[in-house]
């Protein structure tokens, strides 16, 4: 199949698709459908898991930086003068 025939076939298939296939319940159609409520609940539950996990990871690295600074300052105080 040559390139122009493939391009023509792709354009025809894109134009033949039904318009409701281009969006989900939140983007196209009824936003108060059960599918939209389920999608919103899924988004909120994922955020409820991801945000605390990312917060814990960030606080862990903050703690590592804090400890490194504290150990570095203590080693300067306790090091003998040369």
N, C-alpha and C. Protein backbone atom coordinates (compact mmCIF):
# COMPACT_ATOMS: atom_id res chain seq x y z
N UNK A 1 0.84 -1.17 0.00
CA UNK A 1 0.00 0.00 0.00
C UNK A 1 0.89 1.24 0.00
N UNK A 2 0.60 2.14 -0.90
CA UNK A 2 1.46 3.32 -0.92
C UNK A 2 1.03 4.33 0.14
N UNK A 3 1.85 5.33 0.31
CA UNK A 3 1.69 6.29 1.41
C UNK A 3 0.40 7.10 1.30
N UNK A 4 0.04 7.54 0.11
CA UNK A 4 -1.16 8.37 -0.05
C UNK A 4 -2.43 7.56 0.22
N UNK A 5 -2.43 6.28 -0.14
CA UNK A 5 -3.60 5.44 0.13
C UNK A 5 -3.75 5.20 1.64
N UNK A 6 -2.65 5.02 2.33
CA UNK A 6 -2.71 4.88 3.79
C UNK A 6 -3.23 6.16 4.44
N UNK A 7 -2.79 7.29 3.95
CA UNK A 7 -3.24 8.57 4.49
C UNK A 7 -4.73 8.75 4.24
N UNK A 8 -5.19 8.42 3.04
CA UNK A 8 -6.61 8.54 2.70
C UNK A 8 -7.45 7.61 3.57
N UNK A 9 -6.99 6.40 3.77
CA UNK A 9 -7.71 5.45 4.62
C UNK A 9 -7.79 5.95 6.06
N UNK A 10 -6.72 6.52 6.56
CA UNK A 10 -6.72 7.08 7.92
C UNK A 10 -7.69 8.23 8.06
N UNK A 11 -7.75 9.11 7.08
CA UNK A 11 -8.67 10.24 7.13
C UNK A 11 -10.11 9.76 7.06
N UNK A 12 -10.40 8.79 6.20
CA UNK A 12 -11.76 8.27 6.07
C UNK A 12 -12.20 7.60 7.38
N UNK A 13 -11.31 6.82 7.99
CA UNK A 13 -11.65 6.18 9.26
C UNK A 13 -11.87 7.20 10.37
N UNK A 14 -11.07 8.25 10.39
CA UNK A 14 -11.24 9.29 11.41
C UNK A 14 -12.56 10.02 11.24
N UNK A 15 -12.96 10.27 10.01
CA UNK A 15 -14.22 10.97 9.75
C UNK A 15 -15.42 10.06 9.98
N UNK A 16 -15.24 8.76 9.85
CA UNK A 16 -16.35 7.82 9.99
C UNK A 16 -16.65 7.49 11.45
N UNK A 17 -15.75 7.82 12.35
CA UNK A 17 -15.97 7.51 13.76
C UNK A 17 -17.10 8.35 14.33
N UNK A 18 -17.84 7.77 15.23
CA UNK A 18 -18.93 8.48 15.88
C UNK A 18 -18.35 9.52 16.84
N UNK A 19 -18.98 10.66 16.97
CA UNK A 19 -18.43 11.75 17.78
C UNK A 19 -18.36 11.40 19.26
N UNK A 20 -19.19 10.50 19.74
CA UNK A 20 -19.13 10.14 21.16
C UNK A 20 -17.90 9.30 21.49
N UNK A 21 -17.20 8.80 20.49
CA UNK A 21 -16.00 8.02 20.73
C UNK A 21 -14.80 8.92 21.05
N UNK A 22 -14.94 10.22 20.90
CA UNK A 22 -13.83 11.13 21.11
C UNK A 22 -13.73 11.66 22.53
N UNK A 23 -14.67 11.36 23.39
CA UNK A 23 -14.59 11.89 24.75
C UNK A 23 -15.21 10.94 25.75
N UNK A 24 -14.80 11.11 26.98
CA UNK A 24 -15.36 10.29 28.05
C UNK A 24 -16.61 10.97 28.61
N UNK A 25 -17.16 10.43 29.66
CA UNK A 25 -18.39 10.97 30.22
C UNK A 25 -18.18 12.37 30.79
N UNK A 26 -16.98 12.67 31.24
CA UNK A 26 -16.73 14.01 31.79
C UNK A 26 -16.54 15.03 30.68
N UNK A 27 -15.99 14.61 29.55
CA UNK A 27 -15.70 15.55 28.47
C UNK A 27 -16.85 15.67 27.47
N UNK A 28 -17.60 14.62 27.29
CA UNK A 28 -18.63 14.59 26.27
C UNK A 28 -19.82 13.83 26.83
N UNK A 29 -20.95 14.44 26.81
CA UNK A 29 -22.15 13.74 27.27
C UNK A 29 -22.58 14.22 28.63
N UNK A 30 -23.33 13.36 29.32
CA UNK A 30 -23.88 13.71 30.62
C UNK A 30 -22.79 13.64 31.69
N UNK A 31 -22.62 14.73 32.40
CA UNK A 31 -21.62 14.72 33.46
C UNK A 31 -22.19 14.19 34.77
N UNK A 32 -23.48 13.91 34.82
CA UNK A 32 -24.07 13.35 36.03
C UNK A 32 -24.38 11.86 35.88
N UNK A 33 -23.75 11.24 34.90
CA UNK A 33 -23.96 9.81 34.70
C UNK A 33 -23.18 9.01 35.75
N UNK A 34 -23.56 7.76 35.97
CA UNK A 34 -22.82 6.93 36.94
C UNK A 34 -21.35 6.74 36.57
N UNK A 35 -21.07 6.72 35.26
CA UNK A 35 -19.68 6.55 34.86
C UNK A 35 -18.85 7.78 35.26
N UNK A 36 -19.43 8.97 35.14
CA UNK A 36 -18.71 10.18 35.55
C UNK A 36 -18.49 10.20 37.05
N UNK A 37 -19.50 9.79 37.83
CA UNK A 37 -19.33 9.71 39.28
C UNK A 37 -18.24 8.70 39.65
N UNK A 38 -18.22 7.58 38.98
CA UNK A 38 -17.20 6.58 39.25
C UNK A 38 -15.81 7.07 38.90
N UNK A 39 -15.70 7.77 37.77
CA UNK A 39 -14.41 8.31 37.37
C UNK A 39 -13.92 9.35 38.38
N UNK A 40 -14.81 10.22 38.82
CA UNK A 40 -14.43 11.22 39.81
C UNK A 40 -14.03 10.57 41.13
N UNK A 41 -14.73 9.54 41.55
CA UNK A 41 -14.37 8.83 42.77
C UNK A 41 -13.00 8.16 42.62
N UNK A 42 -12.72 7.62 41.44
CA UNK A 42 -11.42 7.01 41.19
C UNK A 42 -10.29 8.03 41.24
N UNK A 43 -10.53 9.21 40.68
CA UNK A 43 -9.51 10.26 40.70
C UNK A 43 -9.24 10.71 42.13
N UNK A 44 -10.30 10.90 42.90
CA UNK A 44 -10.14 11.35 44.29
C UNK A 44 -9.44 10.29 45.13
N UNK A 45 -9.79 9.01 44.92
CA UNK A 45 -9.14 7.96 45.71
C UNK A 45 -7.67 7.82 45.33
N UNK A 46 -7.33 7.99 44.05
CA UNK A 46 -5.92 7.95 43.66
C UNK A 46 -5.16 9.12 44.26
N UNK A 47 -5.77 10.30 44.25
CA UNK A 47 -5.12 11.46 44.87
C UNK A 47 -4.95 11.26 46.37
N UNK A 48 -5.92 10.62 47.00
CA UNK A 48 -5.83 10.38 48.44
C UNK A 48 -4.69 9.44 48.79
N UNK A 49 -4.25 8.63 47.85
CA UNK A 49 -3.12 7.73 48.09
C UNK A 49 -1.81 8.37 47.65
N UNK A 50 -1.80 9.00 46.49
CA UNK A 50 -0.56 9.51 45.91
C UNK A 50 -0.01 10.71 46.68
N UNK A 51 -0.88 11.65 47.06
CA UNK A 51 -0.40 12.87 47.73
C UNK A 51 0.29 12.56 49.07
N UNK A 52 -0.29 11.73 49.94
CA UNK A 52 0.45 11.42 51.18
C UNK A 52 1.76 10.66 50.94
N UNK A 53 1.77 9.78 49.97
CA UNK A 53 3.01 9.03 49.69
C UNK A 53 4.10 9.98 49.20
N UNK A 54 3.75 10.89 48.29
CA UNK A 54 4.75 11.86 47.82
C UNK A 54 5.18 12.79 48.95
N UNK A 55 4.25 13.14 49.83
CA UNK A 55 4.62 13.96 50.98
C UNK A 55 5.59 13.25 51.91
N UNK A 56 5.36 11.96 52.13
CA UNK A 56 6.28 11.19 52.97
C UNK A 56 7.66 11.06 52.33
N UNK A 57 7.69 10.87 51.03
CA UNK A 57 8.98 10.79 50.34
C UNK A 57 9.73 12.11 50.45
N UNK A 58 9.02 13.22 50.24
CA UNK A 58 9.65 14.54 50.34
C UNK A 58 10.14 14.81 51.76
N UNK A 59 9.35 14.43 52.76
CA UNK A 59 9.77 14.66 54.14
C UNK A 59 10.96 13.76 54.50
N UNK A 60 11.04 12.57 53.93
CA UNK A 60 12.19 11.70 54.17
C UNK A 60 13.47 12.34 53.66
N UNK A 61 13.42 12.88 52.43
CA UNK A 61 14.61 13.53 51.89
C UNK A 61 14.93 14.82 52.65
N UNK A 62 13.91 15.51 53.13
CA UNK A 62 14.16 16.68 53.97
C UNK A 62 14.86 16.28 55.26
N UNK A 63 14.45 15.17 55.84
CA UNK A 63 15.09 14.66 57.06
C UNK A 63 16.54 14.26 56.78
N UNK A 64 16.79 13.66 55.64
CA UNK A 64 18.16 13.28 55.27
C UNK A 64 19.04 14.53 55.16
N UNK A 65 18.53 15.58 54.53
CA UNK A 65 19.29 16.83 54.40
C UNK A 65 19.54 17.43 55.79
N UNK A 66 18.52 17.41 56.63
CA UNK A 66 18.66 17.94 58.00
C UNK A 66 19.74 17.18 58.77
N UNK A 67 19.71 15.86 58.69
CA UNK A 67 20.70 15.04 59.40
C UNK A 67 22.11 15.28 58.86
N UNK A 68 22.22 15.41 57.54
CA UNK A 68 23.54 15.63 56.94
C UNK A 68 24.11 16.97 57.40
N UNK A 69 23.27 17.99 57.47
CA UNK A 69 23.75 19.29 57.94
C UNK A 69 24.14 19.24 59.42
N UNK A 70 23.35 18.51 60.20
CA UNK A 70 23.63 18.42 61.63
C UNK A 70 24.92 17.65 61.88
N UNK A 71 25.12 16.56 61.18
CA UNK A 71 26.35 15.78 61.34
C UNK A 71 27.54 16.58 60.83
N UNK A 72 27.37 17.32 59.75
CA UNK A 72 28.46 18.15 59.22
C UNK A 72 28.86 19.24 60.18
N UNK A 73 27.89 19.87 60.84
CA UNK A 73 28.22 20.93 61.79
C UNK A 73 28.86 20.36 63.06
N UNK A 74 28.45 19.18 63.49
CA UNK A 74 29.05 18.55 64.67
C UNK A 74 30.48 18.10 64.39
N UNK A 75 30.77 17.67 63.18
CA UNK A 75 32.13 17.23 62.87
C UNK A 75 33.07 18.41 62.80
N UNK A 76 32.58 19.60 62.44
CA UNK A 76 33.43 20.79 62.45
C UNK A 76 33.80 21.19 63.87
N UNK A 77 32.88 21.02 64.80
CA UNK A 77 33.12 21.40 66.19
C UNK A 77 34.09 20.41 66.85
N UNK A 78 33.92 19.14 66.59
CA UNK A 78 34.71 18.11 67.27
C UNK A 78 36.03 17.81 66.60
N UNK A 79 36.31 18.37 65.45
CA UNK A 79 37.56 18.05 64.77
C UNK A 79 38.71 18.80 65.43
N UNK A 80 39.83 18.12 65.63
CA UNK A 80 40.97 18.78 66.27
C UNK A 80 41.61 19.78 65.32
N UNK A 81 42.17 20.82 65.89
CA UNK A 81 42.85 21.84 65.08
C UNK A 81 44.18 21.28 64.62
N UNK A 82 44.50 21.56 63.40
CA UNK A 82 45.75 21.04 62.84
C UNK A 82 46.82 22.07 62.91
